[in-house]
Amino acid sequence: MDHTNEMQLIFDSRSSNESFARVTVAAFMTSLNPTVEEVSDVKTAVSEAVTNAIIHGYEGEVHNICIRCRTKEQTLFVEIEDFGKGIEDVEKAMEPLFTTKAEAERSGMGFSFMEAFMDSLEVESTLGKGTLVKMSKIIGKGRKIWTTQSL
């Protein structure tokens, strides 16, 4: 059965909302019948993107973060957008261990984690206007569904 569904969530850029955001996306994807590992992967990627928006996009100020999710067939599409300061050099920001907040003990691994846990990652950013992180994950990739018809 093909699944097509959409949702949008707008919330304040507060650290306390990060867990709310990842649990909401996890609940949304349940119609795709994901494994515990697939849910964990998506939650980690969402957590990293939301944390980046809070810490880097808005630098601790409270503004809106928007999450848009869509399912099509067995693929989950997630977009996380802030309207903050933007990223000066996206390519450099996506390098492992690169951080602009070393003094705040940031590891610079956020984009690396997103890339590792999702099947695709795309980052669009404009200075002074914000950042859009687009990710997707195919649910059930490589998993065989056994039914009585499989016998």
N, C-alpha and C. Protein backbone atom coordinates (compact mmCIF):
# COMPACT_ATOMS: atom_id res chain seq x y z
N MET A 1 0.84 -1.18 0.00
CA MET A 1 0.00 0.00 0.00
C MET A 1 0.89 1.24 0.00
N ASP A 2 0.62 2.18 -0.89
CA ASP A 2 1.38 3.42 -0.94
C ASP A 2 0.87 4.39 0.11
N HIS A 3 1.79 5.00 0.82
CA HIS A 3 1.43 5.99 1.83
C HIS A 3 1.78 7.37 1.29
N THR A 4 0.85 8.27 1.38
CA THR A 4 1.14 9.67 1.09
C THR A 4 0.51 10.48 2.20
N ASN A 5 1.31 11.25 2.89
CA ASN A 5 0.82 12.03 4.01
C ASN A 5 1.75 13.22 4.20
N GLU A 6 1.24 14.29 4.81
CA GLU A 6 2.05 15.48 5.05
C GLU A 6 1.73 16.05 6.42
N MET A 7 2.69 16.75 6.99
CA MET A 7 2.46 17.50 8.21
C MET A 7 3.45 18.65 8.28
N GLN A 8 3.06 19.68 9.04
CA GLN A 8 3.93 20.83 9.26
C GLN A 8 3.85 21.21 10.73
N LEU A 9 4.97 21.56 11.30
CA LEU A 9 5.05 21.93 12.70
C LEU A 9 5.89 23.19 12.81
N ILE A 10 5.37 24.20 13.48
CA ILE A 10 6.11 25.44 13.73
C ILE A 10 6.22 25.59 15.24
N PHE A 11 7.44 25.83 15.71
CA PHE A 11 7.65 25.93 17.16
C PHE A 11 8.77 26.92 17.45
N ASP A 12 8.83 27.37 18.71
CA ASP A 12 9.87 28.30 19.14
C ASP A 12 11.23 27.60 19.18
N SER A 13 12.25 28.37 18.89
CA SER A 13 13.63 27.85 18.87
C SER A 13 14.20 27.80 20.29
N ARG A 14 13.58 26.98 21.11
CA ARG A 14 14.03 26.76 22.48
C ARG A 14 14.59 25.34 22.58
N SER A 15 15.65 25.18 23.34
CA SER A 15 16.25 23.85 23.51
C SER A 15 15.24 22.83 24.02
N SER A 16 14.30 23.28 24.84
CA SER A 16 13.29 22.37 25.39
C SER A 16 12.37 21.81 24.31
N ASN A 17 12.30 22.44 23.15
CA ASN A 17 11.44 21.96 22.06
C ASN A 17 12.13 20.96 21.13
N GLU A 18 13.42 20.75 21.31
CA GLU A 18 14.15 19.82 20.44
C GLU A 18 13.60 18.40 20.57
N SER A 19 13.36 17.95 21.79
CA SER A 19 12.83 16.59 21.98
C SER A 19 11.41 16.49 21.44
N PHE A 20 10.62 17.55 21.59
CA PHE A 20 9.26 17.58 21.04
C PHE A 20 9.31 17.41 19.52
N ALA A 21 10.23 18.10 18.88
CA ALA A 21 10.35 18.04 17.41
C ALA A 21 10.70 16.63 16.95
N ARG A 22 11.68 16.00 17.58
CA ARG A 22 12.10 14.67 17.11
C ARG A 22 11.05 13.61 17.39
N VAL A 23 10.34 13.71 18.52
CA VAL A 23 9.30 12.74 18.83
C VAL A 23 8.11 12.91 17.88
N THR A 24 7.81 14.15 17.51
CA THR A 24 6.72 14.41 16.56
C THR A 24 7.02 13.77 15.21
N VAL A 25 8.23 13.95 14.71
CA VAL A 25 8.61 13.35 13.43
C VAL A 25 8.59 11.82 13.54
N ALA A 26 9.06 11.30 14.66
CA ALA A 26 9.05 9.84 14.87
C ALA A 26 7.62 9.30 14.84
N ALA A 27 6.71 10.01 15.49
CA ALA A 27 5.30 9.58 15.49
C ALA A 27 4.71 9.65 14.09
N PHE A 28 5.08 10.69 13.35
CA PHE A 28 4.55 10.86 11.99
C PHE A 28 4.96 9.71 11.08
N MET A 29 6.17 9.20 11.24
CA MET A 29 6.68 8.17 10.33
C MET A 29 6.18 6.77 10.65
N THR A 30 5.42 6.59 11.73
CA THR A 30 5.00 5.24 12.12
C THR A 30 4.13 4.55 11.08
N SER A 31 3.44 5.31 10.23
CA SER A 31 2.60 4.67 9.20
C SER A 31 3.44 3.88 8.19
N LEU A 32 4.76 4.15 8.16
CA LEU A 32 5.65 3.44 7.24
C LEU A 32 6.19 2.14 7.86
N ASN A 33 5.78 1.86 9.10
CA ASN A 33 6.20 0.64 9.80
C ASN A 33 7.73 0.53 9.91
N PRO A 34 8.37 1.58 10.46
CA PRO A 34 9.83 1.56 10.57
C PRO A 34 10.31 0.64 11.68
N THR A 35 11.57 0.24 11.57
CA THR A 35 12.21 -0.50 12.66
C THR A 35 12.61 0.50 13.75
N VAL A 36 12.96 -0.01 14.91
CA VAL A 36 13.43 0.84 16.00
C VAL A 36 14.68 1.59 15.55
N GLU A 37 15.55 0.92 14.82
CA GLU A 37 16.79 1.55 14.34
C GLU A 37 16.48 2.70 13.36
N GLU A 38 15.52 2.50 12.47
CA GLU A 38 15.16 3.56 11.52
C GLU A 38 14.58 4.77 12.24
N VAL A 39 13.75 4.54 13.24
CA VAL A 39 13.19 5.64 14.03
C VAL A 39 14.31 6.37 14.76
N SER A 40 15.23 5.63 15.34
CA SER A 40 16.36 6.24 16.05
C SER A 40 17.22 7.08 15.11
N ASP A 41 17.47 6.59 13.91
CA ASP A 41 18.26 7.34 12.92
C ASP A 41 17.60 8.68 12.61
N VAL A 42 16.30 8.65 12.34
CA VAL A 42 15.56 9.87 11.99
C VAL A 42 15.53 10.83 13.17
N LYS A 43 15.28 10.31 14.37
CA LYS A 43 15.26 11.18 15.55
C LYS A 43 16.60 11.87 15.75
N THR A 44 17.70 11.14 15.54
CA THR A 44 19.03 11.73 15.70
C THR A 44 19.25 12.84 14.67
N ALA A 45 18.90 12.59 13.42
CA ALA A 45 19.08 13.59 12.36
C ALA A 45 18.24 14.83 12.63
N VAL A 46 16.99 14.65 13.04
CA VAL A 46 16.11 15.78 13.35
C VAL A 46 16.67 16.57 14.53
N SER A 47 17.13 15.87 15.55
CA SER A 47 17.71 16.51 16.71
C SER A 47 18.90 17.39 16.33
N GLU A 48 19.77 16.88 15.48
CA GLU A 48 20.94 17.65 15.04
C GLU A 48 20.54 18.89 14.25
N ALA A 49 19.58 18.75 13.34
CA ALA A 49 19.15 19.88 12.52
C ALA A 49 18.48 20.96 13.37
N VAL A 50 17.62 20.55 14.29
CA VAL A 50 16.93 21.51 15.16
C VAL A 50 17.94 22.20 16.08
N THR A 51 18.87 21.44 16.64
CA THR A 51 19.89 22.02 17.50
C THR A 51 20.74 23.04 16.73
N ASN A 52 21.10 22.72 15.49
CA ASN A 52 21.84 23.68 14.66
C ASN A 52 21.06 24.97 14.47
N ALA A 53 19.76 24.86 14.21
CA ALA A 53 18.92 26.05 14.01
C ALA A 53 18.90 26.91 15.28
N ILE A 54 18.77 26.27 16.42
CA ILE A 54 18.70 27.00 17.69
C ILE A 54 20.03 27.68 18.00
N ILE A 55 21.12 26.91 17.93
CA ILE A 55 22.42 27.41 18.36
C ILE A 55 23.09 28.32 17.33
N HIS A 56 23.04 27.90 16.06
CA HIS A 56 23.76 28.65 15.03
C HIS A 56 22.86 29.61 14.26
N GLY A 57 21.67 29.17 13.91
CA GLY A 57 20.76 30.01 13.12
C GLY A 57 20.28 31.23 13.88
N TYR A 58 19.88 31.00 15.12
CA TYR A 58 19.32 32.08 15.93
C TYR A 58 20.22 32.51 17.07
N GLU A 59 21.32 31.81 17.26
CA GLU A 59 22.29 32.13 18.31
C GLU A 59 21.62 32.34 19.66
N GLY A 60 20.68 31.45 19.99
CA GLY A 60 20.04 31.49 21.30
C GLY A 60 18.82 32.39 21.40
N GLU A 61 18.56 33.23 20.40
CA GLU A 61 17.35 34.06 20.42
C GLU A 61 16.16 33.18 20.06
N VAL A 62 14.98 33.56 20.53
CA VAL A 62 13.79 32.76 20.28
C VAL A 62 13.04 33.28 19.06
N HIS A 63 12.98 32.41 18.04
CA HIS A 63 12.25 32.67 16.80
C HIS A 63 11.63 31.35 16.35
N ASN A 64 11.02 31.33 15.19
CA ASN A 64 10.35 30.12 14.71
C ASN A 64 11.29 29.16 13.98
N ILE A 65 11.02 27.88 14.18
CA ILE A 65 11.60 26.80 13.38
C ILE A 65 10.43 26.06 12.77
N CYS A 66 10.54 25.72 11.51
CA CYS A 66 9.46 25.02 10.81
C CYS A 66 9.95 23.65 10.35
N ILE A 67 9.17 22.63 10.68
CA ILE A 67 9.45 21.27 10.19
C ILE A 67 8.31 20.87 9.27
N ARG A 68 8.67 20.40 8.09
CA ARG A 68 7.69 19.85 7.16
C ARG A 68 8.08 18.41 6.88
N CYS A 69 7.12 17.51 6.98
CA CYS A 69 7.37 16.09 6.70
C CYS A 69 6.36 15.60 5.69
N ARG A 70 6.83 14.67 4.89
CA ARG A 70 5.96 14.06 3.88
C ARG A 70 6.39 12.62 3.72
N THR A 71 5.41 11.75 3.55
CA THR A 71 5.72 10.37 3.21
C THR A 71 5.17 10.10 1.82
N LYS A 72 5.94 9.39 1.05
CA LYS A 72 5.49 8.95 -0.27
C LYS A 72 6.02 7.54 -0.46
N GLU A 73 5.09 6.62 -0.67
CA GLU A 73 5.44 5.20 -0.72
C GLU A 73 6.20 4.87 0.56
N GLN A 74 7.43 4.40 0.48
CA GLN A 74 8.17 4.02 1.69
C GLN A 74 9.26 5.03 2.04
N THR A 75 9.14 6.27 1.55
CA THR A 75 10.17 7.27 1.82
C THR A 75 9.62 8.38 2.70
N LEU A 76 10.41 8.74 3.71
CA LEU A 76 10.11 9.87 4.58
C LEU A 76 10.96 11.05 4.12
N PHE A 77 10.32 12.17 3.86
CA PHE A 77 11.00 13.41 3.49
C PHE A 77 10.83 14.39 4.65
N VAL A 78 11.93 14.99 5.10
CA VAL A 78 11.90 15.92 6.22
C VAL A 78 12.60 17.21 5.81
N GLU A 79 11.96 18.34 6.08
CA GLU A 79 12.58 19.65 5.87
C GLU A 79 12.54 20.40 7.20
N ILE A 80 13.68 20.95 7.59
CA ILE A 80 13.77 21.75 8.81
C ILE A 80 14.33 23.10 8.41
N GLU A 81 13.55 24.15 8.71
CA GLU A 81 13.91 25.49 8.23
C GLU A 81 13.93 26.49 9.37
N ASP A 82 14.97 27.31 9.37
CA ASP A 82 15.01 28.46 10.27
C ASP A 82 15.13 29.71 9.41
N PHE A 83 14.85 30.84 10.01
CA PHE A 83 14.88 32.11 9.30
C PHE A 83 15.90 33.02 9.97
N GLY A 84 17.01 32.41 10.36
CA GLY A 84 18.05 33.10 11.11
C GLY A 84 19.14 33.69 10.24
N LYS A 85 20.36 33.62 10.75
CA LYS A 85 21.47 34.33 10.11
C LYS A 85 22.03 33.65 8.86
N GLY A 86 21.72 32.38 8.65
CA GLY A 86 22.24 31.67 7.48
C GLY A 86 23.66 31.17 7.70
N ILE A 87 24.12 30.39 6.74
CA ILE A 87 25.47 29.81 6.80
C ILE A 87 26.32 30.45 5.71
N GLU A 88 27.47 30.97 6.11
CA GLU A 88 28.35 31.65 5.17
C GLU A 88 28.89 30.71 4.10
N ASP A 89 29.36 29.53 4.50
CA ASP A 89 29.94 28.57 3.57
C ASP A 89 29.39 27.18 3.90
N VAL A 90 28.33 26.78 3.20
CA VAL A 90 27.66 25.50 3.48
C VAL A 90 28.62 24.32 3.33
N GLU A 91 29.41 24.33 2.27
CA GLU A 91 30.33 23.22 2.02
C GLU A 91 31.30 23.04 3.19
N LYS A 92 31.84 24.14 3.68
CA LYS A 92 32.77 24.08 4.81
C LYS A 92 32.05 23.66 6.08
N ALA A 93 30.83 24.17 6.28
CA ALA A 93 30.05 23.83 7.48
C ALA A 93 29.72 22.34 7.53
N MET A 94 29.66 21.70 6.38
CA MET A 94 29.33 20.28 6.33
C MET A 94 30.54 19.37 6.53
N GLU A 95 31.74 19.95 6.63
CA GLU A 95 32.94 19.16 6.89
C GLU A 95 32.92 18.65 8.33
N PRO A 96 33.31 17.38 8.54
CA PRO A 96 33.37 16.86 9.91
C PRO A 96 34.29 17.71 10.79
N LEU A 97 33.85 17.94 12.01
CA LEU A 97 34.58 18.68 13.04
C LEU A 97 34.63 20.18 12.82
N PHE A 98 34.02 20.71 11.75
CA PHE A 98 33.99 22.16 11.57
C PHE A 98 32.94 22.75 12.50
N THR A 99 33.33 23.75 13.27
CA THR A 99 32.38 24.44 14.13
C THR A 99 32.73 25.91 14.22
N THR A 100 31.70 26.73 14.37
CA THR A 100 31.90 28.15 14.60
C THR A 100 31.74 28.47 16.08
N LYS A 101 31.47 27.44 16.88
CA LYS A 101 31.22 27.63 18.30
C LYS A 101 32.12 26.74 19.16
N ALA A 102 33.41 26.74 18.89
CA ALA A 102 34.35 25.90 19.64
C ALA A 102 34.32 26.25 21.13
N GLU A 103 34.15 27.54 21.43
CA GLU A 103 34.13 27.98 22.83
C GLU A 103 32.92 27.42 23.58
N ALA A 104 31.88 27.05 22.85
CA ALA A 104 30.68 26.49 23.47
C ALA A 104 30.73 24.96 23.47
N GLU A 105 31.92 24.41 23.17
CA GLU A 105 32.15 22.97 23.15
C GLU A 105 31.23 22.25 22.16
N ARG A 106 31.06 22.83 20.98
CA ARG A 106 30.29 22.18 19.91
C ARG A 106 31.25 21.29 19.15
N SER A 107 30.82 20.08 18.78
CA SER A 107 31.73 19.11 18.17
C SER A 107 31.89 19.27 16.67
N GLY A 108 30.96 19.97 16.01
CA GLY A 108 31.05 20.12 14.57
C GLY A 108 30.69 18.86 13.81
N MET A 109 29.87 18.00 14.41
CA MET A 109 29.51 16.74 13.76
C MET A 109 28.04 16.66 13.35
N GLY A 110 27.29 17.74 13.54
CA GLY A 110 25.86 17.71 13.25
C GLY A 110 25.51 17.28 11.84
N PHE A 111 26.09 17.93 10.85
CA PHE A 111 25.80 17.56 9.45
C PHE A 111 26.32 16.16 9.13
N SER A 112 27.45 15.78 9.72
CA SER A 112 27.99 14.42 9.49
C SER A 112 27.02 13.37 10.01
N PHE A 113 26.44 13.62 11.18
CA PHE A 113 25.45 12.68 11.73
C PHE A 113 24.22 12.62 10.84
N MET A 114 23.73 13.78 10.40
CA MET A 114 22.56 13.80 9.52
C MET A 114 22.82 12.99 8.26
N GLU A 115 24.00 13.19 7.69
CA GLU A 115 24.38 12.48 6.46
C GLU A 115 24.50 10.98 6.69
N ALA A 116 25.02 10.59 7.85
CA ALA A 116 25.21 9.17 8.16
C ALA A 116 23.90 8.44 8.41
N PHE A 117 22.95 9.12 9.03
CA PHE A 117 21.71 8.45 9.44
C PHE A 117 20.58 8.55 8.42
N MET A 118 20.70 9.44 7.46
CA MET A 118 19.65 9.60 6.45
C MET A 118 20.18 9.15 5.09
N ASP A 119 19.28 8.90 4.14
CA ASP A 119 19.71 8.48 2.80
C ASP A 119 20.11 9.65 1.93
N SER A 120 19.56 10.83 2.20
CA SER A 120 19.98 12.02 1.45
C SER A 120 19.95 13.22 2.37
N LEU A 121 20.82 14.18 2.08
CA LEU A 121 20.91 15.43 2.84
C LEU A 121 21.25 16.54 1.88
N GLU A 122 20.48 17.61 1.95
CA GLU A 122 20.74 18.80 1.14
C GLU A 122 20.55 20.01 2.04
N VAL A 123 21.47 20.96 1.94
CA VAL A 123 21.40 22.17 2.76
C VAL A 123 21.41 23.39 1.86
N GLU A 124 20.40 24.24 2.03
CA GLU A 124 20.32 25.50 1.31
C GLU A 124 20.35 26.62 2.34
N SER A 125 21.17 27.64 2.11
CA SER A 125 21.27 28.71 3.08
C SER A 125 21.56 30.04 2.40
N THR A 126 20.96 31.09 2.94
CA THR A 126 21.19 32.44 2.46
C THR A 126 21.50 33.31 3.66
N LEU A 127 22.63 34.01 3.61
CA LEU A 127 23.01 34.87 4.73
C LEU A 127 21.91 35.88 5.01
N GLY A 128 21.57 36.01 6.27
CA GLY A 128 20.54 36.95 6.70
C GLY A 128 19.11 36.49 6.48
N LYS A 129 18.93 35.32 5.86
CA LYS A 129 17.57 34.84 5.59
C LYS A 129 17.28 33.47 6.19
N GLY A 130 18.31 32.67 6.42
CA GLY A 130 18.08 31.39 7.07
C GLY A 130 18.59 30.19 6.31
N THR A 131 18.25 29.02 6.86
CA THR A 131 18.77 27.75 6.36
C THR A 131 17.64 26.73 6.25
N LEU A 132 17.68 25.97 5.17
CA LEU A 132 16.72 24.89 4.93
C LEU A 132 17.51 23.59 4.80
N VAL A 133 17.22 22.64 5.69
CA VAL A 133 17.85 21.32 5.65
C VAL A 133 16.81 20.34 5.12
N LYS A 134 17.15 19.66 4.03
CA LYS A 134 16.24 18.67 3.43
C LYS A 134 16.88 17.29 3.57
N MET A 135 16.12 16.36 4.13
CA MET A 135 16.63 15.00 4.33
C MET A 135 15.56 14.00 3.89
N SER A 136 16.01 12.82 3.52
CA SER A 136 15.05 11.75 3.24
C SER A 136 15.62 10.42 3.70
N LYS A 137 14.71 9.50 3.97
CA LYS A 137 15.12 8.15 4.37
C LYS A 137 14.10 7.16 3.83
N ILE A 138 14.61 6.14 3.15
CA ILE A 138 13.75 5.06 2.66
C ILE A 138 13.56 4.08 3.81
N ILE A 139 12.32 3.86 4.17
CA ILE A 139 12.01 2.98 5.29
C ILE A 139 11.82 1.55 4.78
N GLY A 140 12.50 0.62 5.43
CA GLY A 140 12.38 -0.79 5.05
C GLY A 140 13.32 -1.20 3.94
N LYS A 141 14.28 -0.34 3.62
CA LYS A 141 15.23 -0.66 2.55
C LYS A 141 16.00 -1.93 2.89
N GLY A 142 15.92 -2.92 2.02
CA GLY A 142 16.63 -4.17 2.23
C GLY A 142 15.93 -5.14 3.16
N ARG A 143 14.79 -4.73 3.68
CA ARG A 143 14.05 -5.60 4.60
C ARG A 143 13.01 -6.38 3.81
N LYS A 144 12.93 -7.67 4.08
CA LYS A 144 11.93 -8.50 3.41
C LYS A 144 10.71 -8.62 4.30
N ILE A 145 9.56 -8.38 3.74
CA ILE A 145 8.30 -8.55 4.45
C ILE A 145 7.77 -9.94 4.11
N TRP A 146 7.63 -10.77 5.11
CA TRP A 146 7.15 -12.14 4.89
C TRP A 146 5.66 -12.20 5.12
N THR A 147 4.96 -12.79 4.19
CA THR A 147 3.53 -13.04 4.32
C THR A 147 3.28 -14.49 3.95
N THR A 148 2.05 -14.92 4.11
CA THR A 148 1.72 -16.30 3.71
C THR A 148 1.89 -16.48 2.22
N GLN A 149 1.80 -15.40 1.46
CA GLN A 149 1.98 -15.47 0.00
C GLN A 149 3.44 -15.66 -0.37
N SER A 150 4.35 -15.42 0.58
CA SER A 150 5.78 -15.58 0.31
C SER A 150 6.20 -17.04 0.29
N LEU A 151 5.35 -17.92 0.82
CA LEU A 151 5.70 -19.34 0.92
C LEU A 151 5.68 -20.05 -0.39
